[in-house]
């Protein structure tokens, strides 16, 4: 397929890497010649320097025979105009736009974004995606990563194993014998910086980061088995009152368990706006790095601190100070993926990568309709793919043990009708089944072949 990616920043680069790796014809457009040079030298893609919203630039990028345009530049307006030009001038059939300003997304204006008006098929809002990711982290405070699958019936949990984990040095095969009724499976392990799909004889070691795919009803038991105790959250401190912090605070205010929320925002106008929009949240105007202000916000008595300012260093340092003050759970928003290795040494419990959440959202919308969900793991190292099995799929009608999955692929769960089941070697995959698969990035194309899906349109 021929796809034009507008924007060669972090999101655009990652999307181009994913799509070009799946043997698509990808062209990247950006006004920054250096970024275009980097992406063309690093990836198997073509590059065009210029404004993506200019018709001549889109034509140079091959819009006349393109199947899709993904507008992910830093400008909402450029992204919207790009989609409109792609539809009106070149009849591009599929158009995705990243839009950050919440004003465009306000209730009552959603009907603007359709084929008759602004010609945008799918809108990706990074702030909303990040806010949802933050809420999921808060809902599962023992995890460093989490995502919901199978219509809420299953959950992917990222767990850091400590010395207190009761099942250290236990082969994964033996875990099934010890807990035969547990509907959970370890689909991925990151050890010494390398992510891999484990074999049944592999053991779990201290400091491993594991990805566990579990039935939603078995999540509490799974956490207990892996040494993670649950704690009720009653007090939350949010550092940053922008769109992400505001969305998280609004959701927490609406919860029935009456979570007490305090917010620190450095910008006076943003703090005032947040205070006007929130009813029960205490908003403090000041620098989140100020120890006295952190003390006033009572981070030492907070159950969780969420640092979501637009500055990575501030988020990291605030998280460290909150941890030193005694907060049991600190979550930091980190845009720069190269800072991820610092999380463990700094004792930061979890971090949110806006690029990863945005990429996952875009991938979810550009794959074939049989793929129901896609979640990018780490820095694009792997994906958790939820797909429905077609009658013509190579795996349809076969037992799991007889399917020739690549070495970097593991089945995490199978949903038959309304039942979410733990995969067993003797389980037969039938047409209509929904299967969740962990796949290293190099094996995604083979997974799509096995499910007979591709990047296509309905």
Protein backbone atom coordinates (compact mmCIF):
# COMPACT_ATOMS: atom_id res chain seq x y z
CA UNK A 1 0.00 0.00 0.00
CA UNK A 2 1.07 3.58 -0.60
CA UNK A 3 0.96 5.74 2.52
CA UNK A 4 2.00 9.36 3.07
CA UNK A 5 3.11 10.25 6.59
CA UNK A 6 3.12 14.01 7.21
CA UNK A 7 5.52 14.96 9.98
CA UNK A 8 8.95 13.46 10.62
CA UNK A 9 8.99 14.03 14.37
CA UNK A 10 8.91 11.26 16.97
CA UNK A 11 5.38 10.09 16.13
CA UNK A 12 5.82 10.35 12.36
CA UNK A 13 9.17 8.57 12.48
CA UNK A 14 7.76 5.69 14.55
CA UNK A 15 4.71 5.29 12.29
CA UNK A 16 6.94 5.34 9.20
CA UNK A 17 9.18 2.71 10.78
CA UNK A 18 6.23 0.44 11.56
CA UNK A 19 4.63 0.77 8.13
CA UNK A 20 7.81 0.51 6.06
CA UNK A 21 8.80 -2.57 8.06
CA UNK A 22 5.56 -4.17 6.90
CA UNK A 23 6.54 -3.74 3.25
CA UNK A 24 4.41 -0.68 2.52
CA UNK A 25 5.40 2.13 0.16
CA UNK A 26 5.88 5.02 2.59
CA UNK A 27 6.69 8.67 1.87
CA UNK A 28 7.44 11.10 4.71
CA UNK A 29 6.80 14.85 4.35
CA UNK A 30 8.24 17.53 6.64
CA UNK A 31 9.41 21.14 6.40
CA UNK A 32 12.63 20.25 8.25
CA UNK A 33 15.13 18.97 5.69
CA UNK A 34 17.35 17.48 8.41
CA UNK A 35 14.48 15.39 9.81
CA UNK A 36 13.59 14.19 6.31
CA UNK A 37 17.23 13.27 5.67
CA UNK A 38 17.39 11.33 8.93
CA UNK A 39 14.24 9.35 8.26
CA UNK A 40 15.22 8.46 4.68
CA UNK A 41 18.71 7.38 5.74
CA UNK A 42 17.43 5.32 8.66
CA UNK A 43 14.31 3.76 7.14
CA UNK A 44 13.30 2.31 3.80
CA UNK A 45 11.10 5.30 2.93
CA UNK A 46 11.03 8.22 0.54
CA UNK A 47 11.15 11.81 1.74
CA UNK A 48 9.77 15.14 0.55
CA UNK A 49 10.68 18.51 2.06
CA UNK A 50 7.83 21.03 2.21
CA UNK A 51 4.51 21.96 3.83
CA UNK A 52 2.26 18.90 3.88
CA UNK A 53 -0.82 21.09 3.38
CA UNK A 54 0.45 22.47 0.06
CA UNK A 55 -1.13 20.64 -2.90
CA UNK A 56 2.10 20.61 -4.92
CA UNK A 57 3.99 19.04 -2.02
CA UNK A 58 1.33 16.34 -1.57
CA UNK A 59 1.40 15.67 -5.31
CA UNK A 60 5.19 15.34 -5.20
CA UNK A 61 4.75 12.84 -2.36
CA UNK A 62 2.51 10.73 -4.59
CA UNK A 63 -0.95 11.71 -3.34
CA UNK A 64 -2.60 10.97 -6.69
CA UNK A 65 -2.23 7.23 -6.15
CA UNK A 66 -1.92 7.15 -2.34
CA UNK A 67 -4.19 4.92 -0.27
CA UNK A 68 -3.79 6.82 2.99
CA UNK A 69 -2.56 10.09 4.47
CA UNK A 70 -1.53 10.28 8.13
CA UNK A 71 -1.19 13.93 9.16
CA UNK A 72 0.93 14.04 12.32
CA UNK A 73 2.75 17.37 12.09
CA UNK A 74 3.06 19.68 15.12
CA UNK A 75 0.28 21.93 13.77
CA UNK A 76 -3.38 20.95 14.16
CA UNK A 77 -4.35 23.34 11.40
CA UNK A 78 -1.80 21.91 8.96
CA UNK A 79 -3.03 18.41 9.76
CA UNK A 80 -6.66 19.35 9.12
CA UNK A 81 -5.94 21.19 5.87
CA UNK A 82 -3.70 18.34 4.71
CA UNK A 83 -6.57 15.88 5.08
CA UNK A 84 -8.95 18.23 3.29
CA UNK A 85 -6.56 18.74 0.35
CA UNK A 86 -5.83 15.00 0.20
CA UNK A 87 -9.56 14.31 -0.12
CA UNK A 88 -10.63 17.19 -2.35
CA UNK A 89 -7.69 17.38 -4.75
CA UNK A 90 -6.43 13.79 -4.83
CA UNK A 91 -9.33 11.58 -3.64
CA UNK A 92 -7.21 9.84 -1.01
CA UNK A 93 -9.63 7.37 0.52
CA UNK A 94 -8.33 7.23 4.11
CA UNK A 95 -7.22 10.27 6.15
CA UNK A 96 -6.02 10.37 9.76
CA UNK A 97 -5.19 13.60 11.63
CA UNK A 98 -3.48 14.20 14.95
CA UNK A 99 -5.26 17.08 16.72
CA UNK A 100 -4.03 18.36 20.07
CA UNK A 101 -6.11 21.47 20.84
CA UNK A 102 -9.12 20.40 22.87
CA UNK A 103 -11.14 23.34 21.47
CA UNK A 104 -11.44 21.46 18.19
CA UNK A 105 -12.67 18.36 20.00
CA UNK A 106 -15.31 20.02 22.19
CA UNK A 107 -18.75 18.44 22.35
CA UNK A 108 -21.00 19.77 19.60
CA UNK A 109 -18.31 20.08 16.92
CA UNK A 110 -17.62 16.43 16.26
CA UNK A 111 -19.86 16.39 13.18
CA UNK A 112 -17.38 18.72 11.46
CA UNK A 113 -14.99 15.84 10.97
CA UNK A 114 -16.52 13.74 8.25
CA UNK A 115 -16.24 13.25 4.51
CA UNK A 116 -18.69 16.05 3.73
CA UNK A 117 -16.91 18.72 5.75
CA UNK A 118 -13.34 18.51 7.03
CA UNK A 119 -12.71 15.12 5.42
CA UNK A 120 -11.02 13.51 8.42
CA UNK A 121 -11.83 9.83 8.94
CA UNK A 122 -10.04 9.41 12.27
CA UNK A 123 -8.89 11.97 14.82
CA UNK A 124 -6.07 11.10 17.20
CA UNK A 125 -5.85 13.27 20.32
CA UNK A 126 -2.51 12.70 22.11
CA UNK A 127 -3.69 14.49 25.24
CA UNK A 128 -6.75 12.28 25.57
CA UNK A 129 -4.72 9.15 24.83
CA UNK A 130 -2.15 10.13 27.48
CA UNK A 131 -4.84 10.99 30.03
CA UNK A 132 -6.43 7.58 29.48
CA UNK A 133 -3.03 5.93 29.90
CA UNK A 134 -2.48 7.85 33.14
CA UNK A 135 -5.86 6.74 34.48
CA UNK A 136 -5.04 3.15 33.62
CA UNK A 137 -1.73 3.44 35.50
CA UNK A 138 -3.57 4.83 38.51
CA UNK A 139 -6.09 2.01 38.30
CA UNK A 140 -3.27 -0.54 38.36
CA UNK A 141 -0.66 1.13 40.60
CA UNK A 142 1.52 -1.97 40.88
CA UNK A 143 2.26 -1.96 37.13
CA UNK A 144 4.63 0.08 35.00
CA UNK A 145 2.47 -0.48 31.91
CA UNK A 146 -1.10 -1.59 31.33
CA UNK A 147 -3.72 -1.77 28.59
CA UNK A 148 -7.22 -3.26 28.33
CA UNK A 149 -8.19 -5.85 25.69
CA UNK A 150 -11.04 -8.16 24.75
CA UNK A 151 -13.75 -5.56 25.39
CA UNK A 152 -12.50 -5.13 28.96
CA UNK A 153 -12.35 -8.85 29.69
CA UNK A 154 -8.54 -8.99 29.65
CA UNK A 155 -5.65 -6.77 30.66
CA UNK A 156 -1.98 -6.51 29.76
CA UNK A 157 0.11 -5.84 32.88
CA UNK A 158 3.74 -4.73 32.94
CA UNK A 159 5.33 -5.84 36.22
CA UNK A 160 8.79 -5.20 37.65
CA UNK A 161 9.82 -8.28 39.64
CA UNK A 162 11.48 -7.66 43.01
CA UNK A 163 13.12 -9.93 45.56
CA UNK A 164 9.71 -10.27 47.25
CA UNK A 165 8.19 -12.02 44.20
CA UNK A 166 7.18 -15.51 45.43
CA UNK A 167 7.68 -17.20 42.05
CA UNK A 168 11.25 -16.13 41.26
CA UNK A 169 13.42 -18.85 39.69
CA UNK A 170 10.27 -20.82 38.81
CA UNK A 171 9.99 -22.15 35.23
CA UNK A 172 6.95 -20.75 33.47
CA UNK A 173 5.75 -24.28 32.72
CA UNK A 174 5.64 -24.95 36.45
CA UNK A 175 3.52 -21.86 37.07
CA UNK A 176 0.71 -23.52 35.12
CA UNK A 177 1.02 -26.58 37.36
CA UNK A 178 1.06 -24.49 40.55
CA UNK A 179 -1.91 -22.32 39.54
CA UNK A 180 -3.94 -24.39 37.06
CA UNK A 181 -7.05 -22.20 37.35
CA UNK A 182 -5.18 -18.90 36.86
CA UNK A 183 -6.14 -17.34 33.53
CA UNK A 184 -2.90 -15.46 32.98
CA UNK A 185 0.21 -16.01 30.90
CA UNK A 186 3.62 -14.30 30.74
CA UNK A 187 3.92 -13.24 27.10
CA UNK A 188 7.05 -11.09 27.27
CA UNK A 189 10.13 -10.59 29.43
CA UNK A 190 12.61 -7.71 29.34
CA UNK A 191 15.92 -8.76 30.87
CA UNK A 192 19.07 -6.62 30.83
CA UNK A 193 17.51 -4.36 28.22
CA UNK A 194 16.39 -7.13 25.83
CA UNK A 195 12.71 -7.95 25.25
CA UNK A 196 11.82 -11.51 24.26
CA UNK A 197 8.92 -13.96 24.15
CA UNK A 198 9.74 -16.63 26.76
CA UNK A 199 9.80 -20.40 26.35
CA UNK A 200 8.01 -22.67 28.88
CA UNK A 201 11.33 -23.61 30.48
CA UNK A 202 12.41 -19.99 31.05
CA UNK A 203 12.57 -18.85 34.69
CA UNK A 204 11.66 -15.48 36.17
CA UNK A 205 14.53 -13.54 37.71
CA UNK A 206 14.76 -10.59 40.07
CA UNK A 207 14.72 -7.25 38.18
CA UNK A 208 12.94 -8.82 35.21
CA UNK A 209 10.22 -6.71 33.65
CA UNK A 210 7.43 -9.01 32.55
CA UNK A 211 4.32 -8.50 30.45
CA UNK A 212 1.42 -10.54 31.78
CA UNK A 213 -1.80 -11.06 29.82
CA UNK A 214 -4.57 -11.86 32.30
CA UNK A 215 -8.32 -12.31 32.50
CA UNK A 216 -9.77 -9.17 34.09
CA UNK A 217 -11.30 -11.18 36.93
CA UNK A 218 -7.90 -12.77 37.69
CA UNK A 219 -5.89 -9.54 37.78
CA UNK A 220 -5.96 -9.17 41.62
CA UNK A 221 -4.89 -12.79 42.09
CA UNK A 222 -2.19 -12.43 39.42
CA UNK A 223 -0.75 -9.38 41.15
CA UNK A 224 -0.68 -11.25 44.45
CA UNK A 225 1.09 -14.26 42.90
CA UNK A 226 3.81 -12.00 41.51
CA UNK A 227 4.26 -10.20 44.83
CA UNK A 228 2.31 -7.02 44.10
CA UNK A 229 0.03 -5.84 46.90
CA UNK A 230 -3.02 -3.71 46.13
CA UNK A 231 -3.56 -0.38 47.85
CA UNK A 232 -6.68 1.76 47.74
CA UNK A 233 -5.98 5.25 46.43
CA UNK A 234 -7.64 8.03 48.38
CA UNK A 235 -5.26 10.96 47.80
CA UNK A 236 -3.72 11.89 44.43
CA UNK A 237 -1.47 14.85 43.63
CA UNK A 238 -1.23 15.97 39.99
CA UNK A 239 1.71 18.11 38.86
CA UNK A 240 0.63 20.00 35.75
CA UNK A 241 -2.76 21.52 35.02
CA UNK A 242 -2.76 21.29 31.24
CA UNK A 243 -5.10 19.14 29.16
CA UNK A 244 -3.74 15.85 30.52
CA UNK A 245 -3.81 16.87 34.19
CA UNK A 246 -7.22 18.50 33.81
CA UNK A 247 -8.72 15.41 32.16
CA UNK A 248 -7.34 13.08 34.83
CA UNK A 249 -8.58 15.33 37.66
CA UNK A 250 -12.06 15.55 36.09
CA UNK A 251 -12.36 11.77 35.86
CA UNK A 252 -11.12 11.30 39.44
CA UNK A 253 -13.65 13.88 40.66
CA UNK A 254 -16.45 11.95 38.99
CA UNK A 255 -15.57 8.67 40.67
CA UNK A 256 -17.93 7.40 43.34
CA UNK A 257 -15.16 6.61 45.83
CA UNK A 258 -14.43 10.33 46.31
CA UNK A 259 -10.70 10.51 45.61
CA UNK A 260 -9.10 13.64 47.08
CA UNK A 261 -7.15 15.45 44.36
CA UNK A 262 -4.66 18.29 44.61
CA UNK A 263 -3.06 19.93 41.61
CA UNK A 264 0.06 22.09 41.20
CA UNK A 265 0.32 24.30 38.12
CA UNK A 266 3.10 26.83 37.48
CA UNK A 267 1.26 29.03 34.97
CA UNK A 268 -1.15 31.38 36.75
CA UNK A 269 -3.72 31.57 33.93
CA UNK A 270 -3.76 27.80 33.44
CA UNK A 271 -4.11 27.29 37.19
CA UNK A 272 -7.05 29.70 37.33
CA UNK A 273 -8.73 27.99 34.37
CA UNK A 274 -8.26 24.58 36.00
CA UNK A 275 -9.69 25.85 39.30
CA UNK A 276 -12.76 27.18 37.47
CA UNK A 277 -13.37 23.90 35.63
CA UNK A 278 -12.83 21.59 38.62
CA UNK A 279 -15.21 21.48 41.57
CA UNK A 280 -13.51 19.43 44.28
CA UNK A 281 -9.84 19.58 43.29
CA UNK A 282 -7.58 21.97 45.23
CA UNK A 283 -5.43 23.84 42.69
CA UNK A 284 -2.14 25.37 43.88
CA UNK A 285 -0.35 27.93 41.71
CA UNK A 286 3.41 27.48 41.79
CA UNK A 287 6.44 25.48 40.71
CA UNK A 288 6.10 21.74 41.23
CA UNK A 289 9.84 21.67 41.94
CA UNK A 290 9.32 23.81 45.04
CA UNK A 291 9.75 21.59 48.11
CA UNK A 292 7.57 23.86 50.24
CA UNK A 293 4.74 23.69 47.69
CA UNK A 294 5.04 19.92 47.47
CA UNK A 295 4.77 19.80 51.25
CA UNK A 296 1.68 22.03 51.08
CA UNK A 297 0.16 19.61 48.58
CA UNK A 298 0.92 16.84 51.12
CA UNK A 299 2.81 14.55 48.75
CA UNK A 300 4.16 12.74 51.80
CA UNK A 301 0.61 11.54 52.56
CA UNK A 302 -0.48 11.03 48.95
CA UNK A 303 -1.22 7.57 47.62
CA UNK A 304 -0.03 8.60 44.16
CA UNK A 305 1.73 11.52 42.45
CA UNK A 306 1.24 12.04 38.73
CA UNK A 307 3.75 14.39 37.03
CA UNK A 308 2.36 15.45 33.65
CA UNK A 309 3.93 18.82 32.84
CA UNK A 310 5.30 19.47 29.34
CA UNK A 311 8.89 19.21 30.59
CA UNK A 312 10.47 15.76 31.01
CA UNK A 313 13.13 16.88 33.49
CA UNK A 314 10.55 18.53 35.72
CA UNK A 315 8.44 15.39 35.69
CA UNK A 316 11.41 13.21 36.60
CA UNK A 317 12.72 15.44 39.37
CA UNK A 318 9.28 16.01 40.88
CA UNK A 319 8.72 12.25 40.86
CA UNK A 320 12.05 11.68 42.64
CA UNK A 321 11.21 14.26 45.30
CA UNK A 322 7.75 12.78 45.81
CA UNK A 323 9.26 9.33 46.20
CA UNK A 324 11.82 10.61 48.70
CA UNK A 325 8.97 12.24 50.63
CA UNK A 326 7.35 8.84 51.05
CA UNK A 327 4.76 8.63 48.25
CA UNK A 328 4.32 4.93 47.40
CA UNK A 329 3.44 5.48 43.72
CA UNK A 330 4.93 8.06 41.34
CA UNK A 331 4.11 8.22 37.63
CA UNK A 332 5.96 10.50 35.22
CA UNK A 333 5.10 11.67 31.72
CA UNK A 334 8.29 11.26 29.63
CA UNK A 335 8.44 12.25 25.96
CA UNK A 336 12.09 11.30 25.40
CA UNK A 337 12.31 7.48 25.16
CA UNK A 338 16.06 7.56 25.85
CA UNK A 339 15.22 8.55 29.44
CA UNK A 340 13.32 5.29 30.03
CA UNK A 341 16.39 3.46 31.44
CA UNK A 342 16.51 6.05 34.24
CA UNK A 343 13.14 5.02 35.64
CA UNK A 344 14.38 2.08 37.71
CA UNK A 345 17.50 3.80 39.16
CA UNK A 346 15.36 6.83 40.08
CA UNK A 347 12.75 4.51 41.66
CA UNK A 348 9.98 5.92 39.48
CA UNK A 349 7.18 3.35 39.51
CA UNK A 350 5.75 3.96 36.04
CA UNK A 351 6.11 6.31 33.11
CA UNK A 352 3.89 7.28 30.21
CA UNK A 353 5.36 7.73 26.74
CA UNK A 354 3.03 9.98 24.69
CA UNK A 355 4.63 8.78 21.48
CA UNK A 356 3.90 5.14 22.28
CA UNK A 357 0.27 5.87 23.19
CA UNK A 358 -0.26 7.93 20.03
CA UNK A 359 1.43 5.34 17.81
CA UNK A 360 -0.72 2.58 19.33
CA UNK A 361 -3.85 4.62 18.64
CA UNK A 362 -2.88 5.28 15.03
CA UNK A 363 -1.97 1.63 14.42
CA UNK A 364 -5.34 0.61 15.83
CA UNK A 365 -7.06 2.64 13.10
CA UNK A 366 -4.93 1.81 10.08
CA UNK A 367 -4.96 -1.95 10.22
CA UNK A 368 -7.66 -4.12 8.68
CA UNK A 369 -11.02 -4.34 10.38
CA UNK A 370 -10.27 -7.87 11.68
CA UNK A 371 -7.57 -6.35 13.89
CA UNK A 372 -9.55 -4.98 16.81
CA UNK A 373 -6.74 -3.50 18.91
CA UNK A 374 -3.01 -2.84 18.73
CA UNK A 375 -0.76 -1.76 21.59
CA UNK A 376 2.87 -0.80 20.99
CA UNK A 377 5.18 -2.07 23.73
CA UNK A 378 8.31 -0.18 24.74
CA UNK A 379 9.94 1.85 21.99
CA UNK A 380 8.16 -0.07 19.23
CA UNK A 381 9.97 -3.28 20.28
CA UNK A 382 6.81 -5.38 20.19
CA UNK A 383 3.05 -5.23 19.77
CA UNK A 384 0.08 -6.84 21.49
CA UNK A 385 -2.38 -7.48 18.67
CA UNK A 386 -6.02 -8.46 19.18
CA UNK A 387 -7.53 -9.93 16.01
CA UNK A 388 -10.55 -11.95 14.96
CA UNK A 389 -9.91 -15.20 13.11
CA UNK A 390 -11.40 -15.50 9.62
CA UNK A 391 -12.49 -18.80 8.10
CA UNK A 392 -9.79 -18.37 5.43
CA UNK A 393 -7.01 -17.72 7.96
CA UNK A 394 -4.14 -20.25 7.98
CA UNK A 395 -4.67 -20.80 11.73
CA UNK A 396 -8.43 -21.43 11.48
CA UNK A 397 -9.42 -24.92 12.63
CA UNK A 398 -5.94 -25.78 13.93
CA UNK A 399 -4.74 -26.62 17.42
CA UNK A 400 -2.49 -23.99 19.00
CA UNK A 401 0.36 -26.49 19.35
CA UNK A 402 0.22 -27.19 15.60
CA UNK A 403 0.44 -23.54 14.52
CA UNK A 404 3.91 -22.55 13.35
CA UNK A 405 4.22 -19.26 15.22
CA UNK A 406 7.55 -17.40 14.92
CA UNK A 407 9.90 -17.62 17.91
CA UNK A 408 9.01 -14.06 18.99
CA UNK A 409 5.25 -14.69 19.13
CA UNK A 410 3.06 -15.95 21.98
CA UNK A 411 -0.72 -16.28 22.28
CA UNK A 412 -1.91 -14.44 25.39
CA UNK A 413 -5.62 -15.12 25.33
CA UNK A 414 -8.50 -16.47 23.25
CA UNK A 415 -12.08 -15.25 23.38
CA UNK A 416 -14.73 -17.69 22.18
CA UNK A 417 -18.07 -15.94 22.07
CA UNK A 418 -18.33 -14.14 25.39
CA UNK A 419 -15.77 -16.34 27.19
CA UNK A 420 -12.16 -15.23 27.64
CA UNK A 421 -9.94 -18.33 27.93
CA UNK A 422 -6.32 -19.02 28.75
CA UNK A 423 -4.66 -20.56 25.67
CA UNK A 424 -3.72 -24.23 25.97
CA UNK A 425 -1.67 -26.29 23.47
CA UNK A 426 -4.70 -28.49 22.71
CA UNK A 427 -7.11 -25.60 22.16
CA UNK A 428 -8.54 -25.38 18.64
CA UNK A 429 -8.76 -21.94 17.01
CA UNK A 430 -12.11 -21.56 15.26
CA UNK A 431 -13.46 -18.92 12.83
CA UNK A 432 -14.84 -15.98 14.79
CA UNK A 433 -12.51 -16.50 17.76
CA UNK A 434 -10.71 -13.38 18.97
CA UNK A 435 -7.03 -14.01 19.70
CA UNK A 436 -4.57 -11.76 21.55
CA UNK A 437 -0.99 -12.23 20.35
CA UNK A 438 2.30 -10.80 21.64
CA UNK A 439 4.70 -10.28 18.73
CA UNK A 440 8.17 -8.80 18.53
CA UNK A 441 8.31 -6.07 15.89
CA UNK A 442 10.12 -8.26 13.38
CA UNK A 443 7.37 -10.88 13.55
CA UNK A 444 4.33 -8.61 13.11
CA UNK A 445 4.14 -9.19 9.35
CA UNK A 446 4.04 -12.97 9.88
CA UNK A 447 1.29 -12.60 12.49
CA UNK A 448 -0.76 -10.60 9.99
CA UNK A 449 -0.25 -13.37 7.43
CA UNK A 450 -1.38 -16.04 9.88
CA UNK A 451 -4.52 -14.06 10.68
CA UNK A 452 -4.89 -13.16 7.00
CA UNK A 453 -5.08 -9.46 7.80
CA UNK A 454 -3.29 -6.49 6.35
CA UNK A 455 -3.35 -2.74 6.40
CA UNK A 456 -6.48 -2.22 4.39
CA UNK A 457 -9.85 -0.52 4.47
CA UNK A 458 -13.35 -1.80 5.04
